[in-house]
Amino acid sequence: MPLAEFDFVSPPDVIGTATAFLGGHIQLDPASSDAANTVVCADRYFTPTHNGLRQLWNADSVYLYPPRDLLYNKEQPPDLALFRKTKRFKRSAQRVWLEEAVRKYKRQEFNEAIIFITSTDVALRVTQQIGLDLPMCILRDTPEIYIDTPELEKLKNTRCHGFIFYIPHYLNTELRLYEFQNMFSELGRVFV
């Protein structure tokens, strides 16, 4: 998977809330780096070299902040659905990662996930196109994002918005949805 010139690291307040929500630790971050994991502190993580799109995500809890780049056809996971177009075009990496997370959840590779998205197009339009109806928090403030370098320099003048999706645990779903709404309402407006 080719790397963008640089990528970003999740906001510390989002990580703090996600970590608390997921029981005090994150088991897997499938789209990370060595520098990003100093903030996320996941038990396991995949770097771009490992290409988390092509790995098994066997974990109880997943935190995902997909890369912001575009992925070309050969970089995207194969579409296993019948009667879909065989020719695929380059797509937003955030869309590809979100769709793959849902597929992996349906294959029971993990139990629940928090997904942080900064693409308004993916969060609001694409989820409607593909019929993805997940609990979501729209961040109240512009997210405090850092550049994925060893120094973790803060990105200045960001205009992106932040959206947090929750793929709910299949056990105690009602309770987990209530806890998601309760905890993430501190960061923004929650829709369940």
C-alpha atoms as a PDB file:
ATOM      1  CA  MET A   1       0.000   0.000   0.000  1.00  0.00           C
ATOM      2  CA  PRO A   2       1.691   3.244  -1.049  1.00  0.00           C
ATOM      3  CA  LEU A   3       2.030   5.886   1.596  1.00  0.00           C
ATOM      4  CA  ALA A   4       0.806   9.435   1.313  1.00  0.00           C
ATOM      5  CA  GLU A   5       3.444  12.093   1.850  1.00  0.00           C
ATOM      6  CA  PHE A   6       2.202  12.179   5.424  1.00  0.00           C
ATOM      7  CA  ASP A   7      -0.839  11.075   7.357  1.00  0.00           C
ATOM      8  CA  PHE A   8      -2.509  12.056  10.593  1.00  0.00           C
ATOM      9  CA  VAL A   9      -2.849  10.806  14.148  1.00  0.00           C
ATOM     10  CA  SER A  10      -6.121  10.715  16.089  1.00  0.00           C
ATOM     11  CA  PRO A  11      -7.079  13.493  18.504  1.00  0.00           C
ATOM     12  CA  PRO A  12      -6.129  12.631  22.113  1.00  0.00           C
ATOM     13  CA  ASP A  13      -9.642  13.417  23.426  1.00  0.00           C
ATOM     14  CA  VAL A  14     -11.179  10.956  20.949  1.00  0.00           C
ATOM     15  CA  ILE A  15      -8.599   8.315  21.902  1.00  0.00           C
ATOM     16  CA  GLY A  16      -9.224   8.890  25.612  1.00  0.00           C
ATOM     17  CA  THR A  17     -12.978   8.493  25.265  1.00  0.00           C
ATOM     18  CA  ALA A  18     -12.637   5.492  22.927  1.00  0.00           C
ATOM     19  CA  THR A  19     -10.192   3.775  25.279  1.00  0.00           C
ATOM     20  CA  ALA A  20     -12.473   4.311  28.282  1.00  0.00           C
ATOM     21  CA  PHE A  21     -15.483   3.137  26.274  1.00  0.00           C
ATOM     22  CA  LEU A  22     -13.688  -0.010  25.114  1.00  0.00           C
ATOM     23  CA  GLY A  23     -12.923  -1.117  28.668  1.00  0.00           C
ATOM     24  CA  GLY A  24      -9.648   0.677  29.325  1.00  0.00           C
ATOM     25  CA  HIS A  25      -7.605  -0.577  26.388  1.00  0.00           C
ATOM     26  CA  ILE A  26      -7.763  -0.963  22.631  1.00  0.00           C
ATOM     27  CA  GLN A  27      -6.856  -4.415  21.391  1.00  0.00           C
ATOM     28  CA  LEU A  28      -6.254  -3.584  17.718  1.00  0.00           C
ATOM     29  CA  ASP A  29      -5.590  -0.523  15.571  1.00  0.00           C
ATOM     30  CA  PRO A  30      -5.450  -1.879  12.005  1.00  0.00           C
ATOM     31  CA  ALA A  31      -4.375   1.413  10.331  1.00  0.00           C
ATOM     32  CA  SER A  32      -1.598   2.811  12.471  1.00  0.00           C
ATOM     33  CA  SER A  33       2.108   3.533  12.680  1.00  0.00           C
ATOM     34  CA  ASP A  34       4.774   3.412  15.376  1.00  0.00           C
ATOM     35  CA  ALA A  35       4.317   7.128  16.129  1.00  0.00           C
ATOM     36  CA  ALA A  36       0.499   6.934  16.083  1.00  0.00           C
ATOM     37  CA  ASN A  37       0.511   4.015  18.501  1.00  0.00           C
ATOM     38  CA  THR A  38       2.277   6.164  21.102  1.00  0.00           C
ATOM     39  CA  VAL A  39      -1.072   8.016  21.281  1.00  0.00           C
ATOM     40  CA  VAL A  40      -3.481   5.126  20.660  1.00  0.00           C
ATOM     41  CA  CYS A  41      -1.588   2.567  22.808  1.00  0.00           C
ATOM     42  CA  ALA A  42      -3.247  -0.427  21.133  1.00  0.00           C
ATOM     43  CA  ASP A  43      -2.144  -3.917  22.163  1.00  0.00           C
ATOM     44  CA  ARG A  44      -1.583  -4.735  18.467  1.00  0.00           C
ATOM     45  CA  TYR A  45      -1.421  -2.499  15.416  1.00  0.00           C
ATOM     46  CA  PHE A  46      -0.722  -2.751  11.719  1.00  0.00           C
ATOM     47  CA  THR A  47       1.479  -0.252   9.923  1.00  0.00           C
ATOM     48  CA  PRO A  48       1.174   0.578   6.197  1.00  0.00           C
ATOM     49  CA  THR A  49       3.854  -2.068   5.579  1.00  0.00           C
ATOM     50  CA  HIS A  50       1.559  -4.728   7.094  1.00  0.00           C
ATOM     51  CA  ASN A  51      -1.497  -3.378   5.197  1.00  0.00           C
ATOM     52  CA  GLY A  52      -4.272  -3.939   7.721  1.00  0.00           C
ATOM     53  CA  LEU A  53      -6.844  -4.225   4.925  1.00  0.00           C
ATOM     54  CA  ARG A  54      -5.411  -7.628   4.081  1.00  0.00           C
ATOM     55  CA  GLN A  55      -4.884  -8.896   7.656  1.00  0.00           C
ATOM     56  CA  LEU A  56      -7.203 -10.781  10.011  1.00  0.00           C
ATOM     57  CA  TRP A  57      -8.454  -8.440  12.707  1.00  0.00           C
ATOM     58  CA  ASN A  58      -8.983 -11.062  15.398  1.00  0.00           C
ATOM     59  CA  ALA A  59      -9.696  -8.876  18.435  1.00  0.00           C
ATOM     60  CA  ASP A  60     -12.403  -8.015  20.880  1.00  0.00           C
ATOM     61  CA  SER A  61     -12.125  -4.235  20.402  1.00  0.00           C
ATOM     62  CA  VAL A  62     -10.899  -2.224  17.406  1.00  0.00           C
ATOM     63  CA  TYR A  63     -10.098   1.463  17.034  1.00  0.00           C
ATOM     64  CA  LEU A  64      -9.716   2.683  13.462  1.00  0.00           C
ATOM     65  CA  TYR A  65      -8.698   6.041  12.000  1.00  0.00           C
ATOM     66  CA  PRO A  66      -8.322   5.248   8.291  1.00  0.00           C
ATOM     67  CA  PRO A  67      -5.713   6.966   6.138  1.00  0.00           C
ATOM     68  CA  ARG A  68      -6.829  10.044   4.230  1.00  0.00           C
ATOM     69  CA  ASP A  69      -5.395   9.042   0.859  1.00  0.00           C
ATOM     70  CA  LEU A  70      -6.983   7.534  -2.273  1.00  0.00           C
ATOM     71  CA  LEU A  71      -6.669   3.831  -3.005  1.00  0.00           C
ATOM     72  CA  TYR A  72      -6.392   2.535  -6.529  1.00  0.00           C
ATOM     73  CA  ASN A  73      -8.222  -0.585  -7.729  1.00  0.00           C
ATOM     74  CA  LYS A  74      -5.378  -3.033  -7.017  1.00  0.00           C
ATOM     75  CA  GLU A  75      -4.947  -1.658  -3.471  1.00  0.00           C
ATOM     76  CA  GLN A  76      -8.582  -2.280  -2.515  1.00  0.00           C
ATOM     77  CA  PRO A  77      -9.774  -5.600  -1.072  1.00  0.00           C
ATOM     78  CA  PRO A  78     -11.695  -7.727  -3.584  1.00  0.00           C
ATOM     79  CA  ASP A  79     -15.457  -7.269  -3.682  1.00  0.00           C
ATOM     80  CA  LEU A  80     -16.977 -10.664  -2.967  1.00  0.00           C
ATOM     81  CA  ALA A  81     -20.573  -9.723  -3.794  1.00  0.00           C
ATOM     82  CA  LEU A  82     -22.107 -11.226  -6.910  1.00  0.00           C
ATOM     83  CA  PHE A  83     -23.372  -9.042  -9.739  1.00  0.00           C
ATOM     84  CA  ARG A  84     -21.316  -5.991  -8.816  1.00  0.00           C
ATOM     85  CA  LYS A  85     -19.283  -4.029 -11.279  1.00  0.00           C
ATOM     86  CA  THR A  86     -15.957  -5.717 -11.825  1.00  0.00           C
ATOM     87  CA  LYS A  87     -14.197  -2.484 -12.717  1.00  0.00           C
ATOM     88  CA  ARG A  88     -13.457  -0.368  -9.675  1.00  0.00           C
ATOM     89  CA  PHE A  89     -12.051   3.118  -9.653  1.00  0.00           C
ATOM     90  CA  LYS A  90      -9.851   4.826  -7.122  1.00  0.00           C
ATOM     91  CA  ARG A  91     -11.732   5.539  -3.930  1.00  0.00           C
ATOM     92  CA  SER A  92     -11.281   7.378  -0.707  1.00  0.00           C
ATOM     93  CA  ALA A  93      -9.211   5.242   1.665  1.00  0.00           C
ATOM     94  CA  GLN A  94     -11.575   6.202   4.467  1.00  0.00           C
ATOM     95  CA  ARG A  95     -14.494   4.731   2.498  1.00  0.00           C
ATOM     96  CA  VAL A  96     -12.594   1.538   1.660  1.00  0.00           C
ATOM     97  CA  TRP A  97     -11.484   1.046   5.275  1.00  0.00           C
ATOM     98  CA  LEU A  98     -14.992   1.710   6.634  1.00  0.00           C
ATOM     99  CA  GLU A  99     -16.543  -0.783   4.211  1.00  0.00           C
ATOM    100  CA  GLU A 100     -13.863  -3.362   5.016  1.00  0.00           C
ATOM    101  CA  ALA A 101     -14.399  -2.884   8.758  1.00  0.00           C
ATOM    102  CA  VAL A 102     -18.096  -3.658   8.316  1.00  0.00           C
ATOM    103  CA  ARG A 103     -17.257  -6.768   6.243  1.00  0.00           C
ATOM    104  CA  LYS A 104     -14.793  -7.968   8.880  1.00  0.00           C
ATOM    105  CA  TYR A 105     -17.379  -7.372  11.617  1.00  0.00           C
ATOM    106  CA  LYS A 106     -19.908  -9.460   9.708  1.00  0.00           C
ATOM    107  CA  ARG A 107     -17.267 -12.223   9.434  1.00  0.00           C
ATOM    108  CA  GLN A 108     -16.892 -11.934  13.239  1.00  0.00           C
ATOM    109  CA  GLU A 109     -13.223 -10.949  13.148  1.00  0.00           C
ATOM    110  CA  PHE A 110     -13.899  -8.513  16.014  1.00  0.00           C
ATOM    111  CA  ASN A 111     -16.706  -7.776  18.457  1.00  0.00           C
ATOM    112  CA  GLU A 112     -16.989  -3.973  18.435  1.00  0.00           C
ATOM    113  CA  ALA A 113     -15.214  -0.963  16.966  1.00  0.00           C
ATOM    114  CA  ILE A 114     -14.870   2.778  17.165  1.00  0.00           C
ATOM    115  CA  ILE A 115     -14.099   4.348  13.783  1.00  0.00           C
ATOM    116  CA  PHE A 116     -12.937   7.955  13.499  1.00  0.00           C
ATOM    117  CA  ILE A 117     -13.595   9.542  10.084  1.00  0.00           C
ATOM    118  CA  THR A 118     -12.579  13.032   8.950  1.00  0.00           C
ATOM    119  CA  SER A 119     -14.122  12.905   5.478  1.00  0.00           C
ATOM    120  CA  THR A 120     -17.512  14.619   5.487  1.00  0.00           C
ATOM    121  CA  ASP A 121     -18.280  12.998   2.135  1.00  0.00           C
ATOM    122  CA  VAL A 122     -17.669   9.496   3.502  1.00  0.00           C
ATOM    123  CA  ALA A 123     -19.432  10.116   6.810  1.00  0.00           C
ATOM    124  CA  LEU A 124     -22.582  11.703   5.417  1.00  0.00           C
ATOM    125  CA  ARG A 125     -23.001  10.832   1.737  1.00  0.00           C
ATOM    126  CA  VAL A 126     -21.259   7.494   1.195  1.00  0.00           C
ATOM    127  CA  THR A 127     -22.798   5.868   4.269  1.00  0.00           C
ATOM    128  CA  GLN A 128     -26.212   6.724   2.804  1.00  0.00           C
ATOM    129  CA  GLN A 129     -25.258   5.370  -0.621  1.00  0.00           C
ATOM    130  CA  ILE A 130     -24.145   2.011   0.727  1.00  0.00           C
ATOM    131  CA  GLY A 131     -26.944   1.796   3.305  1.00  0.00           C
ATOM    132  CA  LEU A 132     -24.658   1.864   6.315  1.00  0.00           C
ATOM    133  CA  ASP A 133     -26.644   2.899   9.360  1.00  0.00           C
ATOM    134  CA  LEU A 134     -24.345   2.987  12.385  1.00  0.00           C
ATOM    135  CA  PRO A 135     -24.529   4.971  15.625  1.00  0.00           C
ATOM    136  CA  MET A 136     -22.543   8.168  15.073  1.00  0.00           C
ATOM    137  CA  CYS A 137     -21.142  11.121  16.983  1.00  0.00           C
ATOM    138  CA  ILE A 138     -20.496  14.381  15.137  1.00  0.00           C
ATOM    139  CA  LEU A 139     -17.742  16.193  16.998  1.00  0.00           C
ATOM    140  CA  ARG A 140     -18.693  19.577  18.389  1.00  0.00           C
ATOM    141  CA  ASP A 141     -15.273  21.113  17.793  1.00  0.00           C
ATOM    142  CA  THR A 142     -12.743  20.830  15.004  1.00  0.00           C
ATOM    143  CA  PRO A 143     -10.622  17.785  15.897  1.00  0.00           C
ATOM    144  CA  GLU A 144      -7.104  18.377  17.201  1.00  0.00           C
ATOM    145  CA  ILE A 145      -5.124  16.312  14.712  1.00  0.00           C
ATOM    146  CA  TYR A 146      -1.387  15.618  14.689  1.00  0.00           C
ATOM    147  CA  ILE A 147       0.947  14.876  11.796  1.00  0.00           C
ATOM    148  CA  ASP A 148       2.158  11.276  11.838  1.00  0.00           C
ATOM    149  CA  THR A 149       5.841  11.907  12.458  1.00  0.00           C
ATOM    150  CA  PRO A 150       7.984  10.933  15.460  1.00  0.00           C
ATOM    151  CA  GLU A 151       7.534  14.488  16.820  1.00  0.00           C
ATOM    152  CA  LEU A 152       3.703  14.351  16.435  1.00  0.00           C
ATOM    153  CA  GLU A 153       3.512  17.998  15.397  1.00  0.00           C
ATOM    154  CA  LYS A 154       0.029  19.495  15.766  1.00  0.00           C
ATOM    155  CA  LEU A 155      -1.707  20.251  12.473  1.00  0.00           C
ATOM    156  CA  LYS A 156      -2.570  23.936  12.292  1.00  0.00           C
ATOM    157  CA  ASN A 157      -5.609  25.443  10.547  1.00  0.00           C
ATOM    158  CA  THR A 158      -7.431  22.186   9.950  1.00  0.00           C
ATOM    159  CA  ARG A 159     -10.868  22.572   8.412  1.00  0.00           C
ATOM    160  CA  CYS A 160     -11.902  18.955   8.711  1.00  0.00           C
ATOM    161  CA  HIS A 161     -14.822  17.717  10.738  1.00  0.00           C
ATOM    162  CA  GLY A 162     -14.793  14.666  12.953  1.00  0.00           C
ATOM    163  CA  PHE A 163     -17.248  11.775  12.889  1.00  0.00           C
ATOM    164  CA  ILE A 164     -17.118   8.797  15.221  1.00  0.00           C
ATOM    165  CA  PHE A 165     -18.936   5.633  14.193  1.00  0.00           C
ATOM    166  CA  TYR A 166     -19.658   2.745  16.507  1.00  0.00           C
ATOM    167  CA  ILE A 167     -19.991  -0.837  15.331  1.00  0.00           C
ATOM    168  CA  PRO A 168     -21.871  -2.268  18.310  1.00  0.00           C
ATOM    169  CA  HIS A 169     -21.054  -5.354  20.316  1.00  0.00           C
ATOM    170  CA  TYR A 170     -23.501  -8.170  19.580  1.00  0.00           C
ATOM    171  CA  LEU A 171     -23.815  -8.898  23.328  1.00  0.00           C
ATOM    172  CA  ASN A 172     -25.605  -6.344  25.510  1.00  0.00           C
ATOM    173  CA  THR A 173     -26.231  -4.182  22.452  1.00  0.00           C
ATOM    174  CA  GLU A 174     -28.796  -1.920  24.127  1.00  0.00           C
ATOM    175  CA  LEU A 175     -26.495  -1.247  27.075  1.00  0.00           C
ATOM    176  CA  ARG A 176     -23.494  -0.593  24.814  1.00  0.00           C
ATOM    177  CA  LEU A 177     -25.539   1.821  22.659  1.00  0.00           C
ATOM    178  CA  TYR A 178     -26.609   3.671  25.807  1.00  0.00           C
ATOM    179  CA  GLU A 179     -22.968   3.830  27.002  1.00  0.00           C
ATOM    180  CA  PHE A 180     -21.840   5.065  23.561  1.00  0.00           C
ATOM    181  CA  GLN A 181     -24.435   7.825  23.627  1.00  0.00           C
ATOM    182  CA  ASN A 182     -23.599   8.742  27.206  1.00  0.00           C
ATOM    183  CA  MET A 183     -19.795   8.819  26.828  1.00  0.00           C
ATOM    184  CA  PHE A 184     -19.455  10.345  23.364  1.00  0.00           C
ATOM    185  CA  SER A 185     -22.056  13.081  24.006  1.00  0.00           C
ATOM    186  CA  GLU A 186     -19.195  14.769  25.883  1.00  0.00           C
ATOM    187  CA  LEU A 187     -17.455  15.243  22.500  1.00  0.00           C
ATOM    188  CA  GLY A 188     -20.402  16.116  20.284  1.00  0.00           C
ATOM    189  CA  ARG A 189     -23.883  15.231  19.131  1.00  0.00           C
ATOM    190  CA  VAL A 190     -24.711  11.530  19.120  1.00  0.00           C
ATOM    191  CA  PHE A 191     -27.195   9.825  16.802  1.00  0.00           C
ATOM    192  CA  VAL A 192     -28.185   6.257  17.606  1.00  0.00           C
END
